[in-house]
Amino acid sequence: TIFTEPAKSWIAEYTARYGHEPDMSSALTYDALAVICEAIKICGSDDPADVKEAIKQIKDFQGLGSVYSFREGTRMMATSEHLTHIQDQKAIIVDTIFN
């Protein structure tokens, strides 16, 4: 597997806390919420309209699976994507593709 920090530390902490490794959905949900929290910090509000505007200010935010930056004209903030295959009912990262 291809994991770098902060994902390596997060996986270790998650595994220690819950007794099993996280799945891809857990990491993606964590990153999505981290981006929302960053937007709330930027605007100082949890009002949805304010958060939506603050998300547009996010640049080079380090998540678990990617670095996130708002780019006009797309809903994708990730600057990389993982190429995976399923083995033993787990998503295994084969490669990372950078946008």
PDB file of N, CA and C in Angstrom:
ATOM      1  N   THR A   1       0.827  -1.199   0.000  1.00  0.00           N
ATOM      2  CA  THR A   1       0.000   0.000   0.000  1.00  0.00           C
ATOM      3  C   THR A   1       0.863   1.251   0.000  1.00  0.00           C
ATOM      4  N   ILE A   2       0.296   2.308  -0.541  1.00  0.00           N
ATOM      5  CA  ILE A   2       1.003   3.575  -0.665  1.00  0.00           C
ATOM      6  C   ILE A   2       0.362   4.565   0.305  1.00  0.00           C
ATOM      7  N   PHE A   3       0.901   4.663   1.513  1.00  0.00           N
ATOM      8  CA  PHE A   3       0.377   5.617   2.483  1.00  0.00           C
ATOM      9  C   PHE A   3       1.501   6.503   2.975  1.00  0.00           C
ATOM     10  N   THR A   4       1.225   7.779   3.089  1.00  0.00           N
ATOM     11  CA  THR A   4       2.168   8.744   3.625  1.00  0.00           C
ATOM     12  C   THR A   4       1.497   9.423   4.809  1.00  0.00           C
ATOM     13  N   GLU A   5       2.233  10.271   5.471  1.00  0.00           N
ATOM     14  CA  GLU A   5       1.641  11.046   6.562  1.00  0.00           C
ATOM     15  C   GLU A   5       0.715  12.103   5.969  1.00  0.00           C
ATOM     16  N   PRO A   6      -0.362  12.438   6.568  1.00  0.00           N
ATOM     17  CA  PRO A   6      -0.801  12.028   7.884  1.00  0.00           C
ATOM     18  C   PRO A   6      -1.611  10.729   7.903  1.00  0.00           C
ATOM     19  N   ALA A   7      -1.802  10.089   6.750  1.00  0.00           N
ATOM     20  CA  ALA A   7      -2.633   8.881   6.681  1.00  0.00           C
ATOM     21  C   ALA A   7      -2.072   7.744   7.534  1.00  0.00           C
ATOM     22  N   LYS A   8      -0.758   7.548   7.520  1.00  0.00           N
ATOM     23  CA  LYS A   8      -0.156   6.454   8.298  1.00  0.00           C
ATOM     24  C   LYS A   8      -0.508   6.572   9.778  1.00  0.00           C
ATOM     25  N   SER A   9      -0.344   7.753  10.335  1.00  0.00           N
ATOM     26  CA  SER A   9      -0.646   7.970  11.753  1.00  0.00           C
ATOM     27  C   SER A   9      -2.131   7.804  12.036  1.00  0.00           C
ATOM     28  N   TRP A  10      -2.971   8.316  11.141  1.00  0.00           N
ATOM     29  CA  TRP A  10      -4.418   8.212  11.327  1.00  0.00           C
ATOM     30  C   TRP A  10      -4.854   6.754  11.296  1.00  0.00           C
ATOM     31  N   ILE A  11      -4.311   5.969  10.373  1.00  0.00           N
ATOM     32  CA  ILE A  11      -4.651   4.542  10.288  1.00  0.00           C
ATOM     33  C   ILE A  11      -4.246   3.837  11.576  1.00  0.00           C
ATOM     34  N   ALA A  12      -3.062   4.127  12.092  1.00  0.00           N
ATOM     35  CA  ALA A  12      -2.602   3.502  13.339  1.00  0.00           C
ATOM     36  C   ALA A  12      -3.508   3.875  14.507  1.00  0.00           C
ATOM     37  N   GLU A  13      -3.873   5.148  14.610  1.00  0.00           N
ATOM     38  CA  GLU A  13      -4.755   5.596  15.695  1.00  0.00           C
ATOM     39  C   GLU A  13      -6.146   4.980  15.569  1.00  0.00           C
ATOM     40  N   TYR A  14      -6.678   4.937  14.363  1.00  0.00           N
ATOM     41  CA  TYR A  14      -8.001   4.352  14.112  1.00  0.00           C
ATOM     42  C   TYR A  14      -7.993   2.874  14.501  1.00  0.00           C
ATOM     43  N   THR A  15      -6.959   2.152  14.055  1.00  0.00           N
ATOM     44  CA  THR A  15      -6.855   0.720  14.323  1.00  0.00           C
ATOM     45  C   THR A  15      -6.752   0.462  15.823  1.00  0.00           C
ATOM     46  N   ALA A  16      -5.952   1.248  16.521  1.00  0.00           N
ATOM     47  CA  ALA A  16      -5.814   1.091  17.969  1.00  0.00           C
ATOM     48  C   ALA A  16      -7.135   1.355  18.685  1.00  0.00           C
ATOM     49  N   ARG A  17      -7.860   2.344  18.223  1.00  0.00           N
ATOM     50  CA  ARG A  17      -9.112   2.722  18.890  1.00  0.00           C
ATOM     51  C   ARG A  17     -10.257   1.740  18.622  1.00  0.00           C
ATOM     52  N   TYR A  18     -10.384   1.289  17.348  1.00  0.00           N
ATOM     53  CA  TYR A  18     -11.544   0.491  16.965  1.00  0.00           C
ATOM     54  C   TYR A  18     -11.234  -0.991  16.758  1.00  0.00           C
ATOM     55  N   GLY A  19      -9.964  -1.385  16.808  1.00  0.00           N
ATOM     56  CA  GLY A  19      -9.613  -2.790  16.716  1.00  0.00           C
ATOM     57  C   GLY A  19      -9.583  -3.361  15.309  1.00  0.00           C
ATOM     58  N   HIS A  20      -9.683  -2.507  14.310  1.00  0.00           N
ATOM     59  CA  HIS A  20      -9.573  -2.943  12.917  1.00  0.00           C
ATOM     60  C   HIS A  20      -9.162  -1.743  12.073  1.00  0.00           C
ATOM     61  N   GLU A  21      -8.596  -2.042  10.895  1.00  0.00           N
ATOM     62  CA  GLU A  21      -8.183  -0.959  10.009  1.00  0.00           C
ATOM     63  C   GLU A  21      -9.399  -0.248   9.421  1.00  0.00           C
ATOM     64  N   PRO A  22      -9.272   1.049   9.154  1.00  0.00           N
ATOM     65  CA  PRO A  22     -10.382   1.777   8.535  1.00  0.00           C
ATOM     66  C   PRO A  22     -10.543   1.368   7.077  1.00  0.00           C
ATOM     67  N   ASP A  23     -11.753   1.562   6.566  1.00  0.00           N
ATOM     68  CA  ASP A  23     -11.968   1.341   5.137  1.00  0.00           C
ATOM     69  C   ASP A  23     -11.868   2.685   4.420  1.00  0.00           C
ATOM     70  N   MET A  24     -11.924   2.626   3.091  1.00  0.00           N
ATOM     71  CA  MET A  24     -11.795   3.838   2.283  1.00  0.00           C
ATOM     72  C   MET A  24     -12.881   4.861   2.632  1.00  0.00           C
ATOM     73  N   SER A  25     -14.102   4.395   2.915  1.00  0.00           N
ATOM     74  CA  SER A  25     -15.203   5.308   3.248  1.00  0.00           C
ATOM     75  C   SER A  25     -14.898   6.113   4.501  1.00  0.00           C
ATOM     76  N   SER A  26     -14.257   5.488   5.470  1.00  0.00           N
ATOM     77  CA  SER A  26     -13.909   6.197   6.709  1.00  0.00           C
ATOM     78  C   SER A  26     -12.937   7.339   6.424  1.00  0.00           C
ATOM     79  N   ALA A  27     -11.931   7.070   5.613  1.00  0.00           N
ATOM     80  CA  ALA A  27     -10.938   8.095   5.292  1.00  0.00           C
ATOM     81  C   ALA A  27     -11.553   9.227   4.466  1.00  0.00           C
ATOM     82  N   LEU A  28     -12.402   8.875   3.511  1.00  0.00           N
ATOM     83  CA  LEU A  28     -13.036   9.902   2.684  1.00  0.00           C
ATOM     84  C   LEU A  28     -13.976  10.773   3.505  1.00  0.00           C
ATOM     85  N   THR A  29     -14.709  10.157   4.421  1.00  0.00           N
ATOM     86  CA  THR A  29     -15.599  10.916   5.295  1.00  0.00           C
ATOM     87  C   THR A  29     -14.792  11.838   6.203  1.00  0.00           C
ATOM     88  N   TYR A  30     -13.686  11.321   6.736  1.00  0.00           N
ATOM     89  CA  TYR A  30     -12.810  12.137   7.576  1.00  0.00           C
ATOM     90  C   TYR A  30     -12.320  13.364   6.799  1.00  0.00           C
ATOM     91  N   ASP A  31     -11.843  13.154   5.572  1.00  0.00           N
ATOM     92  CA  ASP A  31     -11.363  14.270   4.767  1.00  0.00           C
ATOM     93  C   ASP A  31     -12.473  15.269   4.450  1.00  0.00           C
ATOM     94  N   ALA A  32     -13.651  14.775   4.118  1.00  0.00           N
ATOM     95  CA  ALA A  32     -14.768  15.677   3.803  1.00  0.00           C
ATOM     96  C   ALA A  32     -15.097  16.559   5.004  1.00  0.00           C
ATOM     97  N   LEU A  33     -15.152  15.953   6.179  1.00  0.00           N
ATOM     98  CA  LEU A  33     -15.452  16.733   7.385  1.00  0.00           C
ATOM     99  C   LEU A  33     -14.309  17.680   7.740  1.00  0.00           C
ATOM    100  N   ALA A  34     -13.069  17.260   7.490  1.00  0.00           N
ATOM    101  CA  ALA A  34     -11.923  18.137   7.753  1.00  0.00           C
ATOM    102  C   ALA A  34     -11.971  19.380   6.859  1.00  0.00           C
ATOM    103  N   VAL A  35     -12.369  19.207   5.598  1.00  0.00           N
ATOM    104  CA  VAL A  35     -12.493  20.348   4.686  1.00  0.00           C
ATOM    105  C   VAL A  35     -13.593  21.287   5.180  1.00  0.00           C
ATOM    106  N   ILE A  36     -14.709  20.737   5.619  1.00  0.00           N
ATOM    107  CA  ILE A  36     -15.799  21.569   6.143  1.00  0.00           C
ATOM    108  C   ILE A  36     -15.342  22.310   7.395  1.00  0.00           C
ATOM    109  N   CYS A  37     -14.630  21.629   8.293  1.00  0.00           N
ATOM    110  CA  CYS A  37     -14.117  22.288   9.502  1.00  0.00           C
ATOM    111  C   CYS A  37     -13.140  23.409   9.154  1.00  0.00           C
ATOM    112  N   GLU A  38     -12.305  23.186   8.148  1.00  0.00           N
ATOM    113  CA  GLU A  38     -11.380  24.226   7.706  1.00  0.00           C
ATOM    114  C   GLU A  38     -12.151  25.438   7.180  1.00  0.00           C
ATOM    115  N   ALA A  39     -13.203  25.194   6.437  1.00  0.00           N
ATOM    116  CA  ALA A  39     -14.030  26.302   5.931  1.00  0.00           C
ATOM    117  C   ALA A  39     -14.676  27.067   7.085  1.00  0.00           C
ATOM    118  N   ILE A  40     -15.139  26.351   8.095  1.00  0.00           N
ATOM    119  CA  ILE A  40     -15.739  27.005   9.270  1.00  0.00           C
ATOM    120  C   ILE A  40     -14.697  27.869   9.979  1.00  0.00           C
ATOM    121  N   LYS A  41     -13.466  27.380  10.081  1.00  0.00           N
ATOM    122  CA  LYS A  41     -12.386  28.189  10.681  1.00  0.00           C
ATOM    123  C   LYS A  41     -12.140  29.453   9.865  1.00  0.00           C
ATOM    124  N   ILE A  42     -12.139  29.313   8.556  1.00  0.00           N
ATOM    125  CA  ILE A  42     -11.878  30.457   7.673  1.00  0.00           C
ATOM    126  C   ILE A  42     -12.929  31.543   7.857  1.00  0.00           C
ATOM    127  N   CYS A  43     -14.201  31.142   7.871  1.00  0.00           N
ATOM    128  CA  CYS A  43     -15.265  32.155   7.915  1.00  0.00           C
ATOM    129  C   CYS A  43     -15.749  32.467   9.333  1.00  0.00           C
ATOM    130  N   GLY A  44     -15.396  31.621  10.288  1.00  0.00           N
ATOM    131  CA  GLY A  44     -15.824  31.877  11.663  1.00  0.00           C
ATOM    132  C   GLY A  44     -17.310  31.688  11.873  1.00  0.00           C
ATOM    133  N   SER A  45     -17.925  30.858  11.032  1.00  0.00           N
ATOM    134  CA  SER A  45     -19.373  30.652  11.091  1.00  0.00           C
ATOM    135  C   SER A  45     -19.696  29.236  10.628  1.00  0.00           C
ATOM    136  N   ASP A  46     -20.832  28.723  11.118  1.00  0.00           N
ATOM    137  CA  ASP A  46     -21.294  27.435  10.599  1.00  0.00           C
ATOM    138  C   ASP A  46     -22.542  27.597   9.727  1.00  0.00           C
ATOM    139  N   ASP A  47     -22.834  28.827   9.355  1.00  0.00           N
ATOM    140  CA  ASP A  47     -23.941  29.081   8.442  1.00  0.00           C
ATOM    141  C   ASP A  47     -23.594  28.467   7.080  1.00  0.00           C
ATOM    142  N   PRO A  48     -24.472  27.628   6.522  1.00  0.00           N
ATOM    143  CA  PRO A  48     -24.157  26.953   5.262  1.00  0.00           C
ATOM    144  C   PRO A  48     -23.710  27.874   4.126  1.00  0.00           C
ATOM    145  N   ALA A  49     -24.323  29.025   3.996  1.00  0.00           N
ATOM    146  CA  ALA A  49     -23.940  29.953   2.930  1.00  0.00           C
ATOM    147  C   ALA A  49     -22.518  30.482   3.147  1.00  0.00           C
ATOM    148  N   ASP A  50     -22.170  30.767   4.401  1.00  0.00           N
ATOM    149  CA  ASP A  50     -20.827  31.241   4.721  1.00  0.00           C
ATOM    150  C   ASP A  50     -19.792  30.139   4.468  1.00  0.00           C
ATOM    151  N   VAL A  51     -20.131  28.928   4.872  1.00  0.00           N
ATOM    152  CA  VAL A  51     -19.212  27.798   4.688  1.00  0.00           C
ATOM    153  C   VAL A  51     -18.977  27.540   3.202  1.00  0.00           C
ATOM    154  N   LYS A  52     -20.042  27.615   2.422  1.00  0.00           N
ATOM    155  CA  LYS A  52     -19.919  27.415   0.971  1.00  0.00           C
ATOM    156  C   LYS A  52     -18.939  28.418   0.363  1.00  0.00           C
ATOM    157  N   GLU A  53     -19.029  29.659   0.771  1.00  0.00           N
ATOM    158  CA  GLU A  53     -18.114  30.684   0.256  1.00  0.00           C
ATOM    159  C   GLU A  53     -16.693  30.467   0.778  1.00  0.00           C
ATOM    160  N   ALA A  54     -16.559  30.049   2.023  1.00  0.00           N
ATOM    161  CA  ALA A  54     -15.231  29.831   2.601  1.00  0.00           C
ATOM    162  C   ALA A  54     -14.523  28.656   1.945  1.00  0.00           C
ATOM    163  N   ILE A  55     -15.270  27.648   1.528  1.00  0.00           N
ATOM    164  CA  ILE A  55     -14.661  26.502   0.835  1.00  0.00           C
ATOM    165  C   ILE A  55     -13.913  26.981  -0.403  1.00  0.00           C
ATOM    166  N   LYS A  56     -14.419  28.026  -1.042  1.00  0.00           N
ATOM    167  CA  LYS A  56     -13.765  28.560  -2.245  1.00  0.00           C
ATOM    168  C   LYS A  56     -12.391  29.168  -1.946  1.00  0.00           C
ATOM    169  N   GLN A  57     -12.104  29.408  -0.672  1.00  0.00           N
ATOM    170  CA  GLN A  57     -10.812  29.978  -0.280  1.00  0.00           C
ATOM    171  C   GLN A  57      -9.780  28.902   0.076  1.00  0.00           C
ATOM    172  N   ILE A  58     -10.203  27.651   0.132  1.00  0.00           N
ATOM    173  CA  ILE A  58      -9.292  26.583   0.550  1.00  0.00           C
ATOM    174  C   ILE A  58      -8.294  26.272  -0.557  1.00  0.00           C
ATOM    175  N   LYS A  59      -7.032  26.316  -0.195  1.00  0.00           N
ATOM    176  CA  LYS A  59      -5.929  26.007  -1.110  1.00  0.00           C
ATOM    177  C   LYS A  59      -4.908  25.153  -0.357  1.00  0.00           C
ATOM    178  N   ASP A  60      -4.499  24.063  -0.966  1.00  0.00           N
ATOM    179  CA  ASP A  60      -3.431  23.213  -0.434  1.00  0.00           C
ATOM    180  C   ASP A  60      -3.692  22.717   0.987  1.00  0.00           C
ATOM    181  N   PHE A  61      -4.917  22.298   1.251  1.00  0.00           N
ATOM    182  CA  PHE A  61      -5.270  21.742   2.559  1.00  0.00           C
ATOM    183  C   PHE A  61      -4.912  20.254   2.579  1.00  0.00           C
ATOM    184  N   GLN A  62      -4.030  19.864   3.485  1.00  0.00           N
ATOM    185  CA  GLN A  62      -3.567  18.474   3.566  1.00  0.00           C
ATOM    186  C   GLN A  62      -4.601  17.597   4.250  1.00  0.00           C
ATOM    187  N   GLY A  63      -5.117  16.626   3.529  1.00  0.00           N
ATOM    188  CA  GLY A  63      -6.019  15.638   4.099  1.00  0.00           C
ATOM    189  C   GLY A  63      -5.319  14.306   4.201  1.00  0.00           C
ATOM    190  N   LEU A  64      -6.079  13.262   4.468  1.00  0.00           N
ATOM    191  CA  LEU A  64      -5.510  11.918   4.555  1.00  0.00           C
ATOM    192  C   LEU A  64      -5.191  11.360   3.177  1.00  0.00           C
ATOM    193  N   GLY A  65      -6.114  11.553   2.250  1.00  0.00           N
ATOM    194  CA  GLY A  65      -5.988  10.930   0.948  1.00  0.00           C
ATOM    195  C   GLY A  65      -5.504  11.836  -0.153  1.00  0.00           C
ATOM    196  N   SER A  66      -5.454  13.130   0.104  1.00  0.00           N
ATOM    197  CA  SER A  66      -5.074  14.077  -0.943  1.00  0.00           C
ATOM    198  C   SER A  66      -4.793  15.434  -0.319  1.00  0.00           C
ATOM    199  N   VAL A  67      -4.311  16.329  -1.145  1.00  0.00           N
ATOM    200  CA  VAL A  67      -4.243  17.747  -0.808  1.00  0.00           C
ATOM    201  C   VAL A  67      -5.445  18.365  -1.514  1.00  0.00           C
ATOM    202  N   TYR A  68      -6.196  19.197  -0.803  1.00  0.00           N
ATOM    203  CA  TYR A  68      -7.441  19.737  -1.332  1.00  0.00           C
ATOM    204  C   TYR A  68      -7.317  21.226  -1.628  1.00  0.00           C
ATOM    205  N   SER A  69      -7.764  21.608  -2.812  1.00  0.00           N
ATOM    206  CA  SER A  69      -7.791  23.009  -3.226  1.00  0.00           C
ATOM    207  C   SER A  69      -9.064  23.237  -4.036  1.00  0.00           C
ATOM    208  N   PHE A  70      -9.719  24.351  -3.767  1.00  0.00           N
ATOM    209  CA  PHE A  70     -10.902  24.699  -4.561  1.00  0.00           C
ATOM    210  C   PHE A  70     -10.443  25.093  -5.952  1.00  0.00           C
ATOM    211  N   ARG A  71     -11.139  24.574  -6.962  1.00  0.00           N
ATOM    212  CA  ARG A  71     -10.864  24.926  -8.354  1.00  0.00           C
ATOM    213  C   ARG A  71     -12.196  25.265  -9.016  1.00  0.00           C
ATOM    214  N   GLU A  72     -12.299  26.463  -9.525  1.00  0.00           N
ATOM    215  CA  GLU A  72     -13.531  26.922 -10.180  1.00  0.00           C
ATOM    216  C   GLU A  72     -13.896  25.983 -11.327  1.00  0.00           C
ATOM    217  N   GLY A  73     -15.179  25.683 -11.453  1.00  0.00           N
ATOM    218  CA  GLY A  73     -15.660  24.880 -12.568  1.00  0.00           C
ATOM    219  C   GLY A  73     -15.681  23.386 -12.316  1.00  0.00           C
ATOM    220  N   THR A  74     -15.262  22.957 -11.134  1.00  0.00           N
ATOM    221  CA  THR A  74     -15.316  21.534 -10.809  1.00  0.00           C
ATOM    222  C   THR A  74     -15.725  21.361  -9.356  1.00  0.00           C
ATOM    223  N   ARG A  75     -16.349  20.249  -9.065  1.00  0.00           N
ATOM    224  CA  ARG A  75     -16.715  19.952  -7.679  1.00  0.00           C
ATOM    225  C   ARG A  75     -15.620  19.159  -6.981  1.00  0.00           C
ATOM    226  N   MET A  76     -14.614  18.764  -7.734  1.00  0.00           N
ATOM    227  CA  MET A  76     -13.508  17.993  -7.179  1.00  0.00           C
ATOM    228  C   MET A  76     -12.501  18.934  -6.538  1.00  0.00           C
ATOM    229  N   MET A  77     -12.175  18.699  -5.291  1.00  0.00           N
ATOM    230  CA  MET A  77     -11.152  19.490  -4.624  1.00  0.00           C
ATOM    231  C   MET A  77      -9.855  18.716  -4.479  1.00  0.00           C
ATOM    232  N   ALA A  78      -9.930  17.399  -4.586  1.00  0.00           N
ATOM    233  CA  ALA A  78      -8.733  16.575  -4.424  1.00  0.00           C
ATOM    234  C   ALA A  78      -7.767  16.841  -5.570  1.00  0.00           C
ATOM    235  N   THR A  79      -6.491  16.895  -5.237  1.00  0.00           N
ATOM    236  CA  THR A  79      -5.473  17.096  -6.259  1.00  0.00           C
ATOM    237  C   THR A  79      -4.842  15.773  -6.681  1.00  0.00           C
ATOM    238  N   SER A  80      -5.362  14.670  -6.125  1.00  0.00           N
ATOM    239  CA  SER A  80      -4.923  13.340  -6.540  1.00  0.00           C
ATOM    240  C   SER A  80      -6.061  12.356  -6.324  1.00  0.00           C
ATOM    241  N   GLU A  81      -5.985  11.255  -7.013  1.00  0.00           N
ATOM    242  CA  GLU A  81      -6.972  10.179  -6.880  1.00  0.00           C
ATOM    243  C   GLU A  81      -6.208   8.870  -6.754  1.00  0.00           C
ATOM    244  N   HIS A  82      -6.802   7.912  -6.059  1.00  0.00           N
ATOM    245  CA  HIS A  82      -6.166   6.609  -5.898  1.00  0.00           C
ATOM    246  C   HIS A  82      -6.750   5.608  -6.886  1.00  0.00           C
ATOM    247  N   LEU A  83      -5.882   4.886  -7.549  1.00  0.00           N
ATOM    248  CA  LEU A  83      -6.279   3.760  -8.384  1.00  0.00           C
ATOM    249  C   LEU A  83      -6.258   2.537  -7.469  1.00  0.00           C
ATOM    250  N   THR A  84      -7.414   1.880  -7.335  1.00  0.00           N
ATOM    251  CA  THR A  84      -7.518   0.765  -6.394  1.00  0.00           C
ATOM    252  C   THR A  84      -8.046  -0.485  -7.072  1.00  0.00           C
ATOM    253  N   HIS A  85      -7.848  -1.610  -6.403  1.00  0.00           N
ATOM    254  CA  HIS A  85      -8.541  -2.836  -6.774  1.00  0.00           C
ATOM    255  C   HIS A  85      -9.004  -3.481  -5.476  1.00  0.00           C
ATOM    256  N   ILE A  86      -9.996  -4.338  -5.577  1.00  0.00           N
ATOM    257  CA  ILE A  86     -10.563  -4.983  -4.403  1.00  0.00           C
ATOM    258  C   ILE A  86      -9.917  -6.351  -4.236  1.00  0.00           C
ATOM    259  N   GLN A  87      -9.407  -6.573  -3.029  1.00  0.00           N
ATOM    260  CA  GLN A  87      -8.796  -7.858  -2.688  1.00  0.00           C
ATOM    261  C   GLN A  87      -9.277  -8.237  -1.300  1.00  0.00           C
ATOM    262  N   ASP A  88      -9.847  -9.420  -1.174  1.00  0.00           N
ATOM    263  CA  ASP A  88     -10.383  -9.873   0.119  1.00  0.00           C
ATOM    264  C   ASP A  88     -11.335  -8.844   0.721  1.00  0.00           C
ATOM    265  N   GLN A  89     -12.183  -8.284  -0.112  1.00  0.00           N
ATOM    266  CA  GLN A  89     -13.202  -7.315   0.272  1.00  0.00           C
ATOM    267  C   GLN A  89     -12.625  -6.011   0.817  1.00  0.00           C
ATOM    268  N   LYS A  90     -11.381  -5.695   0.461  1.00  0.00           N
ATOM    269  CA  LYS A  90     -10.751  -4.438   0.860  1.00  0.00           C
ATOM    270  C   LYS A  90     -10.252  -3.717  -0.384  1.00  0.00           C
ATOM    271  N   ALA A  91     -10.352  -2.385  -0.360  1.00  0.00           N
ATOM    272  CA  ALA A  91      -9.781  -1.582  -1.442  1.00  0.00           C
ATOM    273  C   ALA A  91      -8.285  -1.482  -1.215  1.00  0.00           C
ATOM    274  N   ILE A  92      -7.512  -1.925  -2.180  1.00  0.00           N
ATOM    275  CA  ILE A  92      -6.053  -1.871  -2.104  1.00  0.00           C
ATOM    276  C   ILE A  92      -5.577  -0.792  -3.081  1.00  0.00           C
ATOM    277  N   ILE A  93      -4.808   0.164  -2.570  1.00  0.00           N
ATOM    278  CA  ILE A  93      -4.284   1.235  -3.422  1.00  0.00           C
ATOM    279  C   ILE A  93      -3.146   0.682  -4.275  1.00  0.00           C
ATOM    280  N   VAL A  94      -3.290   0.828  -5.581  1.00  0.00           N
ATOM    281  CA  VAL A  94      -2.275   0.374  -6.514  1.00  0.00           C
ATOM    282  C   VAL A  94      -1.358   1.522  -6.922  1.00  0.00           C
ATOM    283  N   ASP A  95      -1.945   2.698  -7.118  1.00  0.00           N
ATOM    284  CA  ASP A  95      -1.196   3.848  -7.573  1.00  0.00           C
ATOM    285  C   ASP A  95      -1.945   5.121  -7.205  1.00  0.00           C
ATOM    286  N   THR A  96      -1.257   6.236  -7.211  1.00  0.00           N
ATOM    287  CA  THR A  96      -1.876   7.538  -6.989  1.00  0.00           C
ATOM    288  C   THR A  96      -1.678   8.376  -8.245  1.00  0.00           C
ATOM    289  N   ILE A  97      -2.767   8.974  -8.713  1.00  0.00           N
ATOM    290  CA  ILE A  97      -2.745   9.795  -9.916  1.00  0.00           C
ATOM    291  C   ILE A  97      -2.937  11.239  -9.487  1.00  0.00           C
ATOM    292  N   PHE A  98      -2.023  12.091  -9.869  1.00  0.00           N
ATOM    293  CA  PHE A  98      -2.093  13.495  -9.484  1.00  0.00           C
ATOM    294  C   PHE A  98      -2.711  14.329 -10.581  1.00  0.00           C
ATOM    295  N   ASN A  99      -3.662  15.207 -10.198  1.00  0.00           N
ATOM    296  CA  ASN A  99      -4.364  16.067 -11.152  1.00  0.00           C
ATOM    297  C   ASN A  99      -3.575  17.324 -11.395  1.00  0.00           C
TER     298      ASN A  99
END
